Amino acid sequence: MAKKAVATFAAKSGSRSMVKCIRMDKSPKTGAYVFTEMLVDSGKEKDFFAGKK
């Protein structure tokens, strides 16, 4: 039987909930698109997509 893998980011007491964000950037050298993936806090998505780290 096959197993199903499920990623769960559970918010436990005292911890923050996390969100996986994927941003598409264009490389200035080659012109190709590069995907940047990162787990960020649920309140800081706009900073991630604005280019701030």
N, C-alpha and C. Protein backbone atom coordinates (compact mmCIF):
# COMPACT_ATOMS: atom_id res chain seq x y z
N MET A 1 0.83 -1.18 0.00
CA MET A 1 0.00 0.00 0.00
C MET A 1 0.88 1.25 0.00
N ALA A 2 0.46 2.26 -0.71
CA ALA A 2 1.22 3.51 -0.78
C ALA A 2 0.86 4.41 0.39
N LYS A 3 1.86 5.14 0.84
CA LYS A 3 1.63 6.09 1.92
C LYS A 3 1.50 7.50 1.34
N LYS A 4 0.70 8.29 1.95
CA LYS A 4 0.48 9.66 1.50
C LYS A 4 1.25 10.60 2.43
N ALA A 5 2.13 11.40 1.88
CA ALA A 5 2.90 12.35 2.67
C ALA A 5 2.18 13.70 2.66
N VAL A 6 1.94 14.23 3.83
CA VAL A 6 1.25 15.50 3.96
C VAL A 6 2.10 16.41 4.85
N ALA A 7 2.41 17.60 4.36
CA ALA A 7 3.18 18.56 5.15
C ALA A 7 2.21 19.39 5.98
N THR A 8 2.41 19.41 7.26
CA THR A 8 1.55 20.16 8.16
C THR A 8 2.39 21.13 8.97
N PHE A 9 2.01 22.38 8.96
CA PHE A 9 2.67 23.39 9.76
C PHE A 9 1.69 23.78 10.87
N ALA A 10 1.73 23.04 11.94
CA ALA A 10 0.77 23.25 13.03
C ALA A 10 1.25 24.37 13.94
N ALA A 11 0.33 25.21 14.33
CA ALA A 11 0.64 26.29 15.26
C ALA A 11 0.45 25.77 16.68
N LYS A 12 1.55 25.52 17.34
CA LYS A 12 1.49 25.04 18.72
C LYS A 12 1.51 26.24 19.65
N SER A 13 1.33 25.99 20.91
CA SER A 13 1.30 27.09 21.87
C SER A 13 2.66 27.77 21.92
N GLY A 14 2.68 29.08 21.67
CA GLY A 14 3.91 29.85 21.71
C GLY A 14 4.65 29.90 20.39
N SER A 15 4.23 29.18 19.39
CA SER A 15 4.92 29.23 18.10
C SER A 15 4.05 29.94 17.07
N ARG A 16 4.69 30.43 16.03
CA ARG A 16 3.96 31.16 14.99
C ARG A 16 3.61 30.21 13.86
N SER A 17 2.56 30.51 13.15
CA SER A 17 2.22 29.69 11.99
C SER A 17 3.08 30.14 10.81
N MET A 18 3.48 29.18 9.99
CA MET A 18 4.37 29.43 8.87
C MET A 18 3.61 29.24 7.56
N VAL A 19 4.02 29.99 6.54
CA VAL A 19 3.41 29.92 5.23
C VAL A 19 4.53 29.73 4.21
N LYS A 20 4.32 28.85 3.23
CA LYS A 20 5.31 28.65 2.17
C LYS A 20 5.00 29.60 1.03
N CYS A 21 5.96 30.48 0.71
CA CYS A 21 5.79 31.46 -0.35
C CYS A 21 6.76 31.15 -1.48
N ILE A 22 6.29 31.30 -2.71
CA ILE A 22 7.10 31.07 -3.89
C ILE A 22 7.05 32.34 -4.74
N ARG A 23 8.23 32.92 -5.01
CA ARG A 23 8.32 34.16 -5.78
C ARG A 23 9.11 33.88 -7.05
N MET A 24 8.68 34.46 -8.16
CA MET A 24 9.36 34.30 -9.43
C MET A 24 10.16 35.57 -9.71
N ASP A 25 11.48 35.42 -9.87
CA ASP A 25 12.36 36.54 -10.16
C ASP A 25 13.02 36.32 -11.52
N LYS A 26 13.37 37.40 -12.18
CA LYS A 26 14.07 37.30 -13.46
C LYS A 26 15.55 37.60 -13.23
N SER A 27 16.40 36.72 -13.68
CA SER A 27 17.84 36.87 -13.52
C SER A 27 18.35 37.98 -14.42
N PRO A 28 19.13 38.94 -13.88
CA PRO A 28 19.65 40.01 -14.73
C PRO A 28 20.74 39.53 -15.69
N LYS A 29 21.45 38.45 -15.35
CA LYS A 29 22.53 37.95 -16.21
C LYS A 29 21.99 37.21 -17.43
N THR A 30 21.13 36.20 -17.18
CA THR A 30 20.70 35.34 -18.27
C THR A 30 19.31 35.67 -18.79
N GLY A 31 18.52 36.35 -18.01
CA GLY A 31 17.15 36.65 -18.42
C GLY A 31 16.18 35.53 -18.13
N ALA A 32 16.67 34.43 -17.53
CA ALA A 32 15.81 33.30 -17.20
C ALA A 32 15.08 33.58 -15.88
N TYR A 33 13.97 32.92 -15.71
CA TYR A 33 13.21 33.08 -14.47
C TYR A 33 13.69 32.08 -13.43
N VAL A 34 13.80 32.55 -12.18
CA VAL A 34 14.25 31.74 -11.06
C VAL A 34 13.16 31.78 -10.01
N PHE A 35 12.85 30.63 -9.43
CA PHE A 35 11.82 30.55 -8.40
C PHE A 35 12.49 30.49 -7.04
N THR A 36 12.06 31.37 -6.13
CA THR A 36 12.58 31.43 -4.77
C THR A 36 11.50 30.96 -3.82
N GLU A 37 11.78 29.89 -3.08
CA GLU A 37 10.82 29.35 -2.11
C GLU A 37 11.34 29.60 -0.71
N MET A 38 10.43 29.95 0.20
CA MET A 38 10.83 30.21 1.57
C MET A 38 9.65 30.04 2.51
N LEU A 39 9.91 29.54 3.71
CA LEU A 39 8.90 29.49 4.75
C LEU A 39 9.00 30.78 5.55
N VAL A 40 7.92 31.55 5.61
CA VAL A 40 7.92 32.82 6.32
C VAL A 40 6.79 32.83 7.34
N ASP A 41 6.88 33.72 8.30
CA ASP A 41 5.81 33.88 9.29
C ASP A 41 4.56 34.38 8.59
N SER A 42 3.41 34.05 9.13
CA SER A 42 2.16 34.35 8.43
C SER A 42 1.89 35.84 8.29
N GLY A 43 2.53 36.69 9.06
CA GLY A 43 2.31 38.13 8.94
C GLY A 43 3.30 38.84 8.04
N LYS A 44 4.29 38.13 7.52
CA LYS A 44 5.36 38.78 6.77
C LYS A 44 5.40 38.38 5.29
N GLU A 45 4.27 37.98 4.72
CA GLU A 45 4.25 37.59 3.31
C GLU A 45 4.51 38.78 2.40
N LYS A 46 3.96 39.93 2.73
CA LYS A 46 4.11 41.10 1.88
C LYS A 46 5.56 41.55 1.80
N ASP A 47 6.30 41.42 2.91
CA ASP A 47 7.73 41.76 2.90
C ASP A 47 8.50 40.82 1.99
N PHE A 48 8.15 39.54 1.99
CA PHE A 48 8.82 38.56 1.13
C PHE A 48 8.58 38.88 -0.33
N PHE A 49 7.34 39.18 -0.69
CA PHE A 49 7.03 39.45 -2.09
C PHE A 49 7.51 40.82 -2.54
N ALA A 50 7.77 41.72 -1.60
CA ALA A 50 8.32 43.02 -1.94
C ALA A 50 9.82 42.95 -2.19
N GLY A 51 10.44 41.82 -1.87
CA GLY A 51 11.87 41.65 -2.10
C GLY A 51 12.70 41.80 -0.85
N LYS A 52 12.10 42.13 0.27
CA LYS A 52 12.83 42.26 1.51
C LYS A 52 13.05 40.88 2.12
N LYS A 53 14.16 40.71 2.80
CA LYS A 53 14.44 39.41 3.42
C LYS A 53 14.27 39.47 4.87
